[in-house]
C-alpha atoms as a PDB file:
ATOM      1  CA  MET A   1      -1.732  12.524  -9.198  1.00  0.00           C
ATOM      2  CA  ARG A   2      -5.117  14.088  -8.601  1.00  0.00           C
ATOM      3  CA  VAL A   3      -6.824  14.187  -5.128  1.00  0.00           C
ATOM      4  CA  ASP A   4      -9.776  11.857  -6.186  1.00  0.00           C
ATOM      5  CA  GLU A   5      -6.945   9.361  -6.937  1.00  0.00           C
ATOM      6  CA  LEU A   6      -5.413   9.578  -3.741  1.00  0.00           C
ATOM      7  CA  ALA A   7      -9.018   9.195  -2.114  1.00  0.00           C
ATOM      8  CA  LYS A   8      -9.696   6.328  -3.905  1.00  0.00           C
ATOM      9  CA  GLY A   9      -6.499   4.737  -2.960  1.00  0.00           C
ATOM     10  CA  LEU A  10      -6.832   5.467   0.615  1.00  0.00           C
ATOM     11  CA  CYS A  11     -10.460   4.904   1.079  1.00  0.00           C
ATOM     12  CA  SER A  12     -10.096   1.469   2.624  1.00  0.00           C
ATOM     13  CA  GLU A  13      -9.368   0.752   6.452  1.00  0.00           C
ATOM     14  CA  THR A  14      -7.553  -2.300   5.080  1.00  0.00           C
ATOM     15  CA  ARG A  15      -5.345  -0.358   2.798  1.00  0.00           C
ATOM     16  CA  LEU A  16      -4.330   2.023   5.514  1.00  0.00           C
ATOM     17  CA  ASN A  17      -3.368  -0.679   7.573  1.00  0.00           C
ATOM     18  CA  ILE A  18      -1.258  -2.146   5.025  1.00  0.00           C
ATOM     19  CA  ILE A  19       0.483   0.871   4.612  1.00  0.00           C
ATOM     20  CA  ARG A  20       0.985   0.944   8.319  1.00  0.00           C
ATOM     21  CA  ILE A  21       2.631  -2.387   8.081  1.00  0.00           C
ATOM     22  CA  LEU A  22       4.979  -1.371   5.027  1.00  0.00           C
ATOM     23  CA  ILE A  23       5.972   1.845   7.085  1.00  0.00           C
ATOM     24  CA  GLU A  24       8.556  -0.660   9.070  1.00  0.00           C
ATOM     25  CA  GLY A  25       9.855  -1.800   5.687  1.00  0.00           C
ATOM     26  CA  ASP A  26       9.711  -3.828   2.450  1.00  0.00           C
ATOM     27  CA  ALA A  27       7.746  -6.943   2.865  1.00  0.00           C
ATOM     28  CA  SER A  28       6.464  -9.945   0.545  1.00  0.00           C
ATOM     29  CA  ALA A  29       2.741 -10.235   0.040  1.00  0.00           C
ATOM     30  CA  VAL A  30       2.683 -13.386   2.201  1.00  0.00           C
ATOM     31  CA  THR A  31       4.577 -11.451   4.942  1.00  0.00           C
ATOM     32  CA  VAL A  32       2.127  -8.375   4.797  1.00  0.00           C
ATOM     33  CA  TYR A  33      -0.972 -10.781   4.935  1.00  0.00           C
ATOM     34  CA  ARG A  34       0.622 -12.655   8.007  1.00  0.00           C
ATOM     35  CA  GLN A  35       1.434  -9.423   9.843  1.00  0.00           C
ATOM     36  CA  TYR A  36      -1.800  -7.907   8.981  1.00  0.00           C
ATOM     37  CA  ASN A  37      -3.908 -10.776  10.681  1.00  0.00           C
ATOM     38  CA  ALA A  38      -1.293 -10.862  13.533  1.00  0.00           C
ATOM     39  CA  MET A  39      -1.586  -7.076  14.175  1.00  0.00           C
ATOM     40  CA  PHE A  40      -5.278  -6.121  13.625  1.00  0.00           C
ATOM     41  CA  SER A  41      -8.137  -7.725  15.098  1.00  0.00           C
ATOM     42  CA  LYS A  42     -10.528  -7.924  11.818  1.00  0.00           C
ATOM     43  CA  ARG A  43      -8.857 -10.711   9.948  1.00  0.00           C
ATOM     44  CA  LYS A  44      -8.842 -10.804   6.374  1.00  0.00           C
ATOM     45  CA  GLU A  45      -8.486 -13.519   3.715  1.00  0.00           C
ATOM     46  CA  ARG A  46      -5.159 -13.651   1.712  1.00  0.00           C
ATOM     47  CA  ALA A  47      -7.080 -12.787  -1.517  1.00  0.00           C
ATOM     48  CA  THR A  48      -8.343  -9.425  -0.025  1.00  0.00           C
ATOM     49  CA  ILE A  49      -4.652  -8.405   1.201  1.00  0.00           C
ATOM     50  CA  TYR A  50      -3.417  -9.512  -2.076  1.00  0.00           C
ATOM     51  CA  ARG A  51      -5.982  -7.353  -4.105  1.00  0.00           C
ATOM     52  CA  ASP A  52      -5.543  -4.063  -1.871  1.00  0.00           C
ATOM     53  CA  LEU A  53      -1.928  -4.360  -2.218  1.00  0.00           C
ATOM     54  CA  GLU A  54      -2.430  -4.030  -5.987  1.00  0.00           C
ATOM     55  CA  VAL A  55      -4.879  -1.445  -5.682  1.00  0.00           C
ATOM     56  CA  LEU A  56      -2.364   0.525  -3.692  1.00  0.00           C
ATOM     57  CA  TYR A  57       0.318  -0.292  -6.394  1.00  0.00           C
ATOM     58  CA  ARG A  58      -1.940   0.951  -9.037  1.00  0.00           C
ATOM     59  CA  TYR A  59      -2.413   4.188  -7.412  1.00  0.00           C
ATOM     60  CA  ASN A  60       1.251   4.497  -6.977  1.00  0.00           C
ATOM     61  CA  PHE A  61       1.476   4.154  -3.055  1.00  0.00           C
ATOM     62  CA  LEU A  62       3.670   1.137  -3.405  1.00  0.00           C
ATOM     63  CA  PHE A  63       6.307  -0.210  -5.629  1.00  0.00           C
ATOM     64  CA  LYS A  64       6.950  -3.817  -6.286  1.00  0.00           C
ATOM     65  CA  ARG A  65       9.948  -5.984  -7.303  1.00  0.00           C
ATOM     66  CA  TYR A  66      10.374  -9.563  -8.060  1.00  0.00           C
ATOM     67  CA  LYS A  67      12.843 -11.448  -5.723  1.00  0.00           C
ATOM     68  CA  GLY A  68      14.140 -14.066  -8.343  1.00  0.00           C
ATOM     69  CA  GLU A  69      15.426 -16.574  -5.925  1.00  0.00           C
ATOM     70  CA  SER A  70      12.403 -16.684  -3.828  1.00  0.00           C
ATOM     71  CA  LYS A  71       9.976 -15.996  -6.507  1.00  0.00           C
ATOM     72  CA  GLU A  72       8.254 -13.427  -4.016  1.00  0.00           C
ATOM     73  CA  ILE A  73       6.727 -10.019  -4.910  1.00  0.00           C
ATOM     74  CA  ILE A  74       8.200  -7.382  -2.451  1.00  0.00           C
ATOM     75  CA  TYR A  75       6.158  -4.291  -1.855  1.00  0.00           C
ATOM     76  CA  GLY A  76       7.497  -1.167  -0.339  1.00  0.00           C
ATOM     77  CA  LEU A  77       6.094   2.503   0.022  1.00  0.00           C
ATOM     78  CA  ALA A  78       6.746   4.587  -3.075  1.00  0.00           C
ATOM     79  CA  ALA A  79       6.501   7.654  -1.060  1.00  0.00           C
ATOM     80  CA  LYS A  80       6.154   8.790   2.738  1.00  0.00           C
ATOM     81  CA  LYS A  81       4.749  12.108   1.827  1.00  0.00           C
ATOM     82  CA  PHE A  82       1.853  13.430  -0.091  1.00  0.00           C
ATOM     83  CA  VAL A  83       1.148  17.332  -0.314  1.00  0.00           C
ATOM     84  CA  ILE A  84      -2.588  18.274  -1.399  1.00  0.00           C
ATOM     85  CA  ASP A  85      -2.848  21.486  -3.425  1.00  0.00           C
ATOM     86  CA  LEU A  86      -6.828  22.060  -3.027  1.00  0.00           C
ATOM     87  CA  LEU A  87      -6.436  25.007  -5.287  1.00  0.00           C
ATOM     88  CA  THR A  88      -5.232  22.855  -8.290  1.00  0.00           C
ATOM     89  CA  GLN A  89      -6.884  19.758  -6.894  1.00  0.00           C
ATOM     90  CA  THR A  90      -3.306  17.703  -7.341  1.00  0.00           C
ATOM     91  CA  VAL A  91      -1.288  16.072  -4.992  1.00  0.00           C
ATOM     92  CA  ILE A  92       2.490  16.235  -4.939  1.00  0.00           C
ATOM     93  CA  VAL A  93       4.296  12.949  -4.014  1.00  0.00           C
ATOM     94  CA  GLU A  94       7.424  13.359  -1.950  1.00  0.00           C
ATOM     95  CA  PRO A  95       9.919  10.350  -1.216  1.00  0.00           C
END
């Protein structure tokens, strides 16, 4: 991953707050939406939360899996640590 990709993925307060929620454990999109509005004073629409979950997934901050019996998408943190090498402008992802 490049540093600019890391910055694009994390440049939103909403996305950073979603990551704070998922630090506690994997959750469905609906659960993230409900927890977000319960925890943070700036309420967000469901579409905003879903869109930002997908942005975080696209930039490899999250993984997602489908829970067959409930037909939910479950999101979780793909990595808990990123090391930025300013010399090479790269990011090393550590689980």
